PDB file of N, CA and C in Angstrom:
ATOM      1  N   MET A   1      58.583-126.820  76.024  1.00  0.00           N
ATOM      2  CA  MET A   1      58.016-125.340  76.748  1.00  0.00           C
ATOM      3  C   MET A   1      58.533-124.487  76.699  1.00  0.00           C
ATOM      4  N   LYS A   2      59.922-124.969  77.661  1.00  0.00           N
ATOM      5  CA  LYS A   2      60.920-123.693  78.048  1.00  0.00           C
ATOM      6  C   LYS A   2      61.748-123.350  76.481  1.00  0.00           C
ATOM      7  N   ALA A   3      61.711-123.971  75.876  1.00  0.00           N
ATOM      8  CA  ALA A   3      62.308-124.054  74.671  1.00  0.00           C
ATOM      9  C   ALA A   3      61.777-123.343  73.864  1.00  0.00           C
ATOM     10  N   SER A   4      60.674-123.518  73.902  1.00  0.00           N
ATOM     11  CA  SER A   4      59.958-122.255  72.951  1.00  0.00           C
ATOM     12  C   SER A   4      59.892-121.504  73.231  1.00  0.00           C
ATOM     13  N   LYS A   5      59.580-120.771  74.468  1.00  0.00           N
ATOM     14  CA  LYS A   5      60.073-119.973  75.481  1.00  0.00           C
ATOM     15  C   LYS A   5      61.361-118.689  74.640  1.00  0.00           C
ATOM     16  N   ILE A   6      62.452-119.895  74.918  1.00  0.00           N
ATOM     17  CA  ILE A   6      63.960-119.219  74.431  1.00  0.00           C
ATOM     18  C   ILE A   6      63.776-118.861  73.110  1.00  0.00           C
ATOM     19  N   ALA A   7      63.110-119.821  72.280  1.00  0.00           N
ATOM     20  CA  ALA A   7      63.397-119.789  71.012  1.00  0.00           C
ATOM     21  C   ALA A   7      62.202-118.706  70.070  1.00  0.00           C
ATOM     22  N   TYR A   8      61.462-118.258  71.204  1.00  0.00           N
ATOM     23  CA  TYR A   8      60.887-117.298  70.916  1.00  0.00           C
ATOM     24  C   TYR A   8      61.478-115.410  71.165  1.00  0.00           C
ATOM     25  N   LYS A   9      62.158-115.304  72.084  1.00  0.00           N
ATOM     26  CA  LYS A   9      62.537-114.374  72.109  1.00  0.00           C
ATOM     27  C   LYS A   9      63.437-113.474  71.145  1.00  0.00           C
ATOM     28  N   PRO A  10      64.179-114.183  70.033  1.00  0.00           N
ATOM     29  CA  PRO A  10      64.629-113.179  69.453  1.00  0.00           C
ATOM     30  C   PRO A  10      63.327-112.624  68.521  1.00  0.00           C
ATOM     31  N   VAL A  11      62.334-113.043  68.077  1.00  0.00           N
ATOM     32  CA  VAL A  11      61.374-112.929  67.541  1.00  0.00           C
ATOM     33  C   VAL A  11      60.646-111.930  68.605  1.00  0.00           C
ATOM     34  N   GLY A  12      60.647-111.795  69.915  1.00  0.00           N
ATOM     35  CA  GLY A  12      60.069-110.899  70.319  1.00  0.00           C
ATOM     36  C   GLY A  12      60.631-109.485  70.265  1.00  0.00           C
ATOM     37  N   VAL A  13      61.535-109.742  70.632  1.00  0.00           N
ATOM     38  CA  VAL A  13      62.727-108.594  70.563  1.00  0.00           C
ATOM     39  C   VAL A  13      62.180-107.889  69.240  1.00  0.00           C
ATOM     40  N   THR A  14      62.664-108.264  67.729  1.00  0.00           N
ATOM     41  CA  THR A  14      62.320-107.990  66.607  1.00  0.00           C
ATOM     42  C   THR A  14      60.750-107.066  66.826  1.00  0.00           C
ATOM     43  N   LEU A  15      59.550-107.956  67.134  1.00  0.00           N
ATOM     44  CA  LEU A  15      58.538-107.434  67.609  1.00  0.00           C
ATOM     45  C   LEU A  15      58.261-106.211  67.948  1.00  0.00           C
ATOM     46  N   GLY A  16      59.293-106.232  69.592  1.00  0.00           N
ATOM     47  CA  GLY A  16      58.830-105.123  70.285  1.00  0.00           C
ATOM     48  C   GLY A  16      59.531-103.750  69.346  1.00  0.00           C
ATOM     49  N   ALA A  17      61.019-103.802  68.624  1.00  0.00           N
ATOM     50  CA  ALA A  17      61.213-102.819  67.734  1.00  0.00           C
ATOM     51  C   ALA A  17      60.147-102.565  66.798  1.00  0.00           C
ATOM     52  N   ILE A  18      59.705-103.706  66.136  1.00  0.00           N
ATOM     53  CA  ILE A  18      58.819-103.048  65.378  1.00  0.00           C
ATOM     54  C   ILE A  18      57.339-102.496  65.461  1.00  0.00           C
ATOM     55  N   SER A  19      56.824-102.395  66.708  1.00  0.00           N
ATOM     56  CA  SER A  19      55.754-101.964  67.398  1.00  0.00           C
ATOM     57  C   SER A  19      56.139-100.494  67.980  1.00  0.00           C
ATOM     58  N   GLY A  20      57.185-100.524  68.269  1.00  0.00           N
ATOM     59  CA  GLY A  20      57.515 -99.256  68.387  1.00  0.00           C
ATOM     60  C   GLY A  20      57.715 -98.248  67.897  1.00  0.00           C
ATOM     61  N   VAL A  21      58.236 -98.674  66.178  1.00  0.00           N
ATOM     62  CA  VAL A  21      58.316 -97.844  65.166  1.00  0.00           C
ATOM     63  C   VAL A  21      56.694 -97.104  64.833  1.00  0.00           C
ATOM     64  N   LEU A  22      55.931 -98.645  64.585  1.00  0.00           N
ATOM     65  CA  LEU A  22      54.824 -98.549  64.294  1.00  0.00           C
ATOM     66  C   LEU A  22      53.927 -97.685  65.413  1.00  0.00           C
ATOM     67  N   ALA A  23      53.808 -97.690  66.183  1.00  0.00           N
ATOM     68  CA  ALA A  23      53.310 -96.757  67.414  1.00  0.00           C
ATOM     69  C   ALA A  23      53.263 -95.199  67.230  1.00  0.00           C
ATOM     70  N   THR A  24      54.825 -95.245  66.993  1.00  0.00           N
ATOM     71  CA  THR A  24      55.311 -93.820  66.568  1.00  0.00           C
ATOM     72  C   THR A  24      54.601 -93.096  65.811  1.00  0.00           C
ATOM     73  N   ALA A  25      54.486 -94.003  64.815  1.00  0.00           N
ATOM     74  CA  ALA A  25      53.754 -93.400  63.410  1.00  0.00           C
ATOM     75  C   ALA A  25      52.240 -93.708  64.043  1.00  0.00           C
ATOM     76  N   VAL A  26      51.732 -94.358  64.186  1.00  0.00           N
ATOM     77  CA  VAL A  26      50.180 -93.921  64.699  1.00  0.00           C
ATOM     78  C   VAL A  26      49.945 -92.939  65.625  1.00  0.00           C
ATOM     79  N   PHE A  27      50.716 -92.982  66.210  1.00  0.00           N
ATOM     80  CA  PHE A  27      50.696 -91.708  67.434  1.00  0.00           C
ATOM     81  C   PHE A  27      50.348 -90.082  66.389  1.00  0.00           C
ATOM     82  N   LYS A  28      51.367 -89.665  65.616  1.00  0.00           N
ATOM     83  CA  LYS A  28      51.770 -88.783  64.792  1.00  0.00           C
ATOM     84  C   LYS A  28      50.469 -88.757  64.449  1.00  0.00           C
ATOM     85  N   GLN A  29      50.125 -89.607  63.640  1.00  0.00           N
ATOM     86  CA  GLN A  29      49.120 -89.295  63.191  1.00  0.00           C
ATOM     87  C   GLN A  29      47.633 -89.000  64.072  1.00  0.00           C
ATOM     88  N   VAL A  30      47.239 -89.737  64.429  1.00  0.00           N
ATOM     89  CA  VAL A  30      46.023 -89.362  65.562  1.00  0.00           C
ATOM     90  C   VAL A  30      46.426 -87.961  66.303  1.00  0.00           C
ATOM     91  N   TRP A  31      47.711 -87.660  66.714  1.00  0.00           N
ATOM     92  CA  TRP A  31      47.881 -86.464  67.203  1.00  0.00           C
ATOM     93  C   TRP A  31      47.648 -84.999  65.771  1.00  0.00           C
ATOM     94  N   ARG A  32      48.087 -85.556  64.604  1.00  0.00           N
ATOM     95  CA  ARG A  32      47.479 -84.885  63.650  1.00  0.00           C
ATOM     96  C   ARG A  32      46.206 -84.509  63.657  1.00  0.00           C
ATOM     97  N   LYS A  33      45.511 -85.607  63.446  1.00  0.00           N
ATOM     98  CA  LYS A  33      44.441 -85.665  63.702  1.00  0.00           C
ATOM     99  C   LYS A  33      43.340 -84.855  64.018  1.00  0.00           C
ATOM    100  N   LEU A  34      44.284 -84.902  66.082  1.00  0.00           N
ATOM    101  CA  LEU A  34      43.005 -84.284  66.669  1.00  0.00           C
ATOM    102  C   LEU A  34      43.204 -82.779  66.566  1.00  0.00           C
ATOM    103  N   GLY A  35      44.247 -82.161  65.709  1.00  0.00           N
ATOM    104  CA  GLY A  35      44.017 -80.649  65.623  1.00  0.00           C
ATOM    105  C   GLY A  35      45.129 -79.972  66.176  1.00  0.00           C
ATOM    106  N   HIS A  36      46.375 -81.097  66.686  1.00  0.00           N
ATOM    107  CA  HIS A  36      47.623 -80.479  67.199  1.00  0.00           C
ATOM    108  C   HIS A  36      48.633 -80.458  66.326  1.00  0.00           C
ATOM    109  N   GLU A  37      49.672 -79.898  66.661  1.00  0.00           N
ATOM    110  CA  GLU A  37      51.341 -79.398  65.562  1.00  0.00           C
ATOM    111  C   GLU A  37      52.009 -80.587  65.673  1.00  0.00           C
ATOM    112  N   ASP A  38      52.898 -80.606  64.433  1.00  0.00           N
ATOM    113  CA  ASP A  38      53.654 -81.837  64.620  1.00  0.00           C
ATOM    114  C   ASP A  38      53.810 -82.754  65.747  1.00  0.00           C
ATOM    115  N   ASP A  39      54.275 -82.543  66.625  1.00  0.00           N
ATOM    116  CA  ASP A  39      55.101 -82.720  67.580  1.00  0.00           C
ATOM    117  C   ASP A  39      54.348 -82.462  69.358  1.00  0.00           C
ATOM    118  N   ALA A  40      54.338 -83.883  70.075  1.00  0.00           N
ATOM    119  CA  ALA A  40      53.085 -83.804  71.288  1.00  0.00           C
ATOM    120  C   ALA A  40      54.229 -82.989  72.045  1.00  0.00           C
ATOM    121  N   PRO A  41      53.876 -82.123  73.292  1.00  0.00           N
ATOM    122  CA  PRO A  41      54.488 -81.644  74.094  1.00  0.00           C
ATOM    123  C   PRO A  41      55.065 -82.617  74.839  1.00  0.00           C
ATOM    124  N   GLY A  42      56.340 -82.612  75.374  1.00  0.00           N
ATOM    125  CA  GLY A  42      56.961 -83.241  76.132  1.00  0.00           C
ATOM    126  C   GLY A  42      56.899 -82.777  77.458  1.00  0.00           C
ATOM    127  N   ALA A  43      56.755 -83.289  78.754  1.00  0.00           N
ATOM    128  CA  ALA A  43      56.257 -83.595  80.015  1.00  0.00           C
ATOM    129  C   ALA A  43      57.079 -82.225  80.573  1.00  0.00           C
ATOM    130  N   THR A  44      58.380 -81.238  80.307  1.00  0.00           N
ATOM    131  CA  THR A  44      58.836 -80.689  80.550  1.00  0.00           C
ATOM    132  C   THR A  44      59.293 -78.937  79.403  1.00  0.00           C
ATOM    133  N   ASP A  45      57.976 -79.273  78.901  1.00  0.00           N
ATOM    134  CA  ASP A  45      57.908 -78.063  77.942  1.00  0.00           C
ATOM    135  C   ASP A  45      56.949 -77.071  78.482  1.00  0.00           C
ATOM    136  N   ARG A  46      57.529 -76.179  78.566  1.00  0.00           N
ATOM    137  CA  ARG A  46      57.352 -75.111  78.873  1.00  0.00           C
ATOM    138  C   ARG A  46      56.072 -74.228  78.355  1.00  0.00           C
ATOM    139  N   ASP A  47      56.216 -73.909  77.017  1.00  0.00           N
ATOM    140  CA  ASP A  47      55.221 -74.038  76.153  1.00  0.00           C
ATOM    141  C   ASP A  47      53.778 -74.384  76.739  1.00  0.00           C
ATOM    142  N   HIS A  48      53.574 -75.388  77.303  1.00  0.00           N
ATOM    143  CA  HIS A  48      52.339 -76.220  76.949  1.00  0.00           C
ATOM    144  C   HIS A  48      51.656 -76.204  78.294  1.00  0.00           C
ATOM    145  N   ALA A  49      50.031 -76.174  78.537  1.00  0.00           N
ATOM    146  CA  ALA A  49      49.639 -76.347  79.880  1.00  0.00           C
ATOM    147  C   ALA A  49      50.018 -77.989  80.337  1.00  0.00           C
ATOM    148  N   TRP A  50      49.643 -77.739  82.102  1.00  0.00           N
ATOM    149  CA  TRP A  50      49.886 -79.423  81.894  1.00  0.00           C
ATOM    150  C   TRP A  50      48.480 -80.051  81.484  1.00  0.00           C
ATOM    151  N   ARG A  51      47.544 -79.833  81.268  1.00  0.00           N
ATOM    152  CA  ARG A  51      45.961 -80.320  80.326  1.00  0.00           C
ATOM    153  C   ARG A  51      46.762 -80.801  79.288  1.00  0.00           C
ATOM    154  N   GLU A  52      47.280 -79.905  78.493  1.00  0.00           N
ATOM    155  CA  GLU A  52      47.725 -80.686  77.231  1.00  0.00           C
ATOM    156  C   GLU A  52      49.108 -81.489  77.080  1.00  0.00           C
ATOM    157  N   VAL A  53      49.624 -81.449  78.357  1.00  0.00           N
ATOM    158  CA  VAL A  53      51.045 -82.185  78.564  1.00  0.00           C
ATOM    159  C   VAL A  53      50.415 -83.324  79.075  1.00  0.00           C
ATOM    160  N   LEU A  54      49.373 -83.786  79.714  1.00  0.00           N
ATOM    161  CA  LEU A  54      48.938 -84.897  80.248  1.00  0.00           C
ATOM    162  C   LEU A  54      48.024 -85.448  79.001  1.00  0.00           C
ATOM    163  N   PHE A  55      47.133 -84.952  78.191  1.00  0.00           N
ATOM    164  CA  PHE A  55      46.383 -85.571  77.339  1.00  0.00           C
ATOM    165  C   PHE A  55      47.287 -86.211  76.555  1.00  0.00           C
ATOM    166  N   ALA A  56      48.321 -85.721  75.551  1.00  0.00           N
ATOM    167  CA  ALA A  56      49.199 -85.946  75.010  1.00  0.00           C
ATOM    168  C   ALA A  56      50.057 -87.103  75.635  1.00  0.00           C
ATOM    169  N   ALA A  57      50.008 -87.345  76.880  1.00  0.00           N
ATOM    170  CA  ALA A  57      50.812 -88.325  77.634  1.00  0.00           C
ATOM    171  C   ALA A  57      49.983 -89.786  77.750  1.00  0.00           C
ATOM    172  N   ALA A  58      48.811 -89.116  77.880  1.00  0.00           N
ATOM    173  CA  ALA A  58      47.497 -90.172  77.989  1.00  0.00           C
ATOM    174  C   ALA A  58      47.307 -90.718  76.570  1.00  0.00           C
ATOM    175  N   ILE A  59      47.028 -90.078  75.136  1.00  0.00           N
ATOM    176  CA  ILE A  59      46.786 -90.815  74.218  1.00  0.00           C
ATOM    177  C   ILE A  59      47.915 -91.480  73.696  1.00  0.00           C
ATOM    178  N   GLN A  60      49.352 -90.736  73.753  1.00  0.00           N
ATOM    179  CA  GLN A  60      50.062 -91.743  73.428  1.00  0.00           C
ATOM    180  C   GLN A  60      50.675 -93.009  74.048  1.00  0.00           C
ATOM    181  N   GLY A  61      50.137 -93.203  75.736  1.00  0.00           N
ATOM    182  CA  GLY A  61      50.399 -94.480  76.008  1.00  0.00           C
ATOM    183  C   GLY A  61      49.311 -95.371  75.422  1.00  0.00           C
ATOM    184  N   ALA A  62      48.121 -94.631  75.307  1.00  0.00           N
ATOM    185  CA  ALA A  62      46.860 -95.460  74.732  1.00  0.00           C
ATOM    186  C   ALA A  62      47.453 -96.200  73.357  1.00  0.00           C
ATOM    187  N   VAL A  63      47.844 -95.426  72.425  1.00  0.00           N
ATOM    188  CA  VAL A  63      48.306 -95.848  71.592  1.00  0.00           C
ATOM    189  C   VAL A  63      49.666 -97.198  71.373  1.00  0.00           C
ATOM    190  N   PHE A  64      50.409 -96.270  72.186  1.00  0.00           N
ATOM    191  CA  PHE A  64      51.553 -97.361  72.218  1.00  0.00           C
ATOM    192  C   PHE A  64      51.228 -98.798  72.786  1.00  0.00           C
ATOM    193  N   SER A  65      50.498 -98.730  73.592  1.00  0.00           N
ATOM    194  CA  SER A  65      50.144-100.491  74.051  1.00  0.00           C
ATOM    195  C   SER A  65      49.432-100.943  73.676  1.00  0.00           C
ATOM    196  N   THR A  66      48.276-100.514  72.822  1.00  0.00           N
ATOM    197  CA  THR A  66      47.211-101.170  71.908  1.00  0.00           C
ATOM    198  C   THR A  66      48.031-101.968  70.912  1.00  0.00           C
ATOM    199  N   VAL A  67      49.544-100.542  69.815  1.00  0.00           N
ATOM    200  CA  VAL A  67      49.888-101.622  69.218  1.00  0.00           C
ATOM    201  C   VAL A  67      50.751-102.334  69.713  1.00  0.00           C
ATOM    202  N   LYS A  68      51.327-102.288  70.708  1.00  0.00           N
ATOM    203  CA  LYS A  68      52.258-103.347  71.056  1.00  0.00           C
ATOM    204  C   LYS A  68      51.842-104.461  71.123  1.00  0.00           C
ATOM    205  N   ALA A  69      50.580-104.686  71.479  1.00  0.00           N
ATOM    206  CA  ALA A  69      49.509-105.738  72.153  1.00  0.00           C
ATOM    207  C   ALA A  69      49.182-106.287  70.705  1.00  0.00           C
ATOM    208  N   ALA A  70      48.540-105.595  69.473  1.00  0.00           N
ATOM    209  CA  ALA A  70      48.442-106.152  68.423  1.00  0.00           C
ATOM    210  C   ALA A  70      49.676-106.649  68.133  1.00  0.00           C
ATOM    211  N   VAL A  71      50.771-106.059  67.807  1.00  0.00           N
ATOM    212  CA  VAL A  71      51.838-107.009  67.133  1.00  0.00           C
ATOM    213  C   VAL A  71      52.457-107.896  68.094  1.00  0.00           C
ATOM    214  N   ASP A  72      52.695-107.738  68.988  1.00  0.00           N
ATOM    215  CA  ASP A  72      52.555-108.748  70.110  1.00  0.00           C
ATOM    216  C   ASP A  72      51.863-110.207  70.076  1.00  0.00           C
ATOM    217  N   ARG A  73      50.711-109.989  69.465  1.00  0.00           N
ATOM    218  CA  ARG A  73      49.516-111.109  69.584  1.00  0.00           C
ATOM    219  C   ARG A  73      49.627-111.903  68.200  1.00  0.00           C
ATOM    220  N   ALA A  74      49.629-110.775  67.039  1.00  0.00           N
ATOM    221  CA  ALA A  74      49.954-111.538  65.794  1.00  0.00           C
ATOM    222  C   ALA A  74      51.197-112.400  65.421  1.00  0.00           C
ATOM    223  N   GLY A  75      52.603-112.003  66.296  1.00  0.00           N
ATOM    224  CA  GLY A  75      53.629-112.572  66.089  1.00  0.00           C
ATOM    225  C   GLY A  75      53.592-113.984  67.054  1.00  0.00           C
ATOM    226  N   ALA A  76      52.797-113.825  68.214  1.00  0.00           N
ATOM    227  CA  ALA A  76      52.233-115.372  68.543  1.00  0.00           C
ATOM    228  C   ALA A  76      51.535-115.966  67.598  1.00  0.00           C
ATOM    229  N   THR A  77      50.626-115.518  67.166  1.00  0.00           N
ATOM    230  CA  THR A  77      49.846-116.587  66.905  1.00  0.00           C
ATOM    231  C   THR A  77      50.489-117.052  65.217  1.00  0.00           C
ATOM    232  N   ALA A  78      50.999-115.903  64.947  1.00  0.00           N
ATOM    233  CA  ALA A  78      52.205-116.508  63.524  1.00  0.00           C
ATOM    234  C   ALA A  78      53.197-117.467  63.882  1.00  0.00           C
ATOM    235  N   VAL A  79      53.941-117.685  65.343  1.00  0.00           N
ATOM    236  CA  VAL A  79      54.774-118.629  65.427  1.00  0.00           C
ATOM    237  C   VAL A  79      53.983-119.741  65.995  1.00  0.00           C
ATOM    238  N   HIS A  80      52.884-119.895  66.371  1.00  0.00           N
ATOM    239  CA  HIS A  80      51.925-120.847  66.952  1.00  0.00           C
ATOM    240  C   HIS A  80      51.524-121.776  65.552  1.00  0.00           C
ATOM    241  N   ARG A  81      51.351-120.903  64.082  1.00  0.00           N
ATOM    242  CA  ARG A  81      50.661-121.603  63.355  1.00  0.00           C
ATOM    243  C   ARG A  81      51.739-122.343  62.354  1.00  0.00           C
ATOM    244  N   LEU A  82      53.086-121.722  62.854  1.00  0.00           N
ATOM    245  CA  LEU A  82      53.937-122.099  62.299  1.00  0.00           C
ATOM    246  C   LEU A  82      54.433-123.230  63.111  1.00  0.00           C
ATOM    247  N   SER A  83      54.885-122.972  64.229  1.00  0.00           N
ATOM    248  CA  SER A  83      55.399-124.184  65.244  1.00  0.00           C
ATOM    249  C   SER A  83      54.402-125.116  65.911  1.00  0.00           C
ATOM    250  N   GLY A  84      52.892-124.636  65.708  1.00  0.00           N
ATOM    251  CA  GLY A  84      52.254-125.526  66.590  1.00  0.00           C
ATOM    252  C   GLY A  84      52.293-125.489  68.020  1.00  0.00           C
ATOM    253  N   THR A  85      52.926-124.278  68.515  1.00  0.00           N
ATOM    254  CA  THR A  85      53.330-124.578  69.927  1.00  0.00           C
ATOM    255  C   THR A  85      52.957-122.764  70.450  1.00  0.00           C
ATOM    256  N   TRP A  86      52.143-122.557  71.447  1.00  0.00           N
ATOM    257  CA  TRP A  86      51.743-120.978  71.532  1.00  0.00           C
ATOM    258  C   TRP A  86      53.483-120.545  72.371  1.00  0.00           C
ATOM    259  N   PRO A  87      54.033-119.446  72.182  1.00  0.00           N
ATOM    260  CA  PRO A  87      55.184-118.704  72.816  1.00  0.00           C
ATOM    261  C   PRO A  87      54.431-117.970  73.769  1.00  0.00           C
ATOM    262  N   GLY A  88      54.882-118.328  75.222  1.00  0.00           N
ATOM    263  CA  GLY A  88      54.562-117.996  76.117  1.00  0.00           C
ATOM    264  C   GLY A  88      54.016-119.154  77.434  1.00  0.00           C
TER     265      GLY A  88
END
């Protein structure tokens, strides 16, 4: 069991990078669909109200968590199908 966790580490790191890129693209699309400009406001952006900054952060957090969970689950499922062992 421990060997499968160690063997899965490089796969997990790669999937983490992929999920970050994918989540960024998904969030940008969601943000545009909500009728906002191209980039979401950052926490220190003076030109946006608290409400918009916190709304953007909440949406971004939800998108990133969902995409990461979906990518991680797909990766674990693929490893399980290939090796017969569930990683983790």
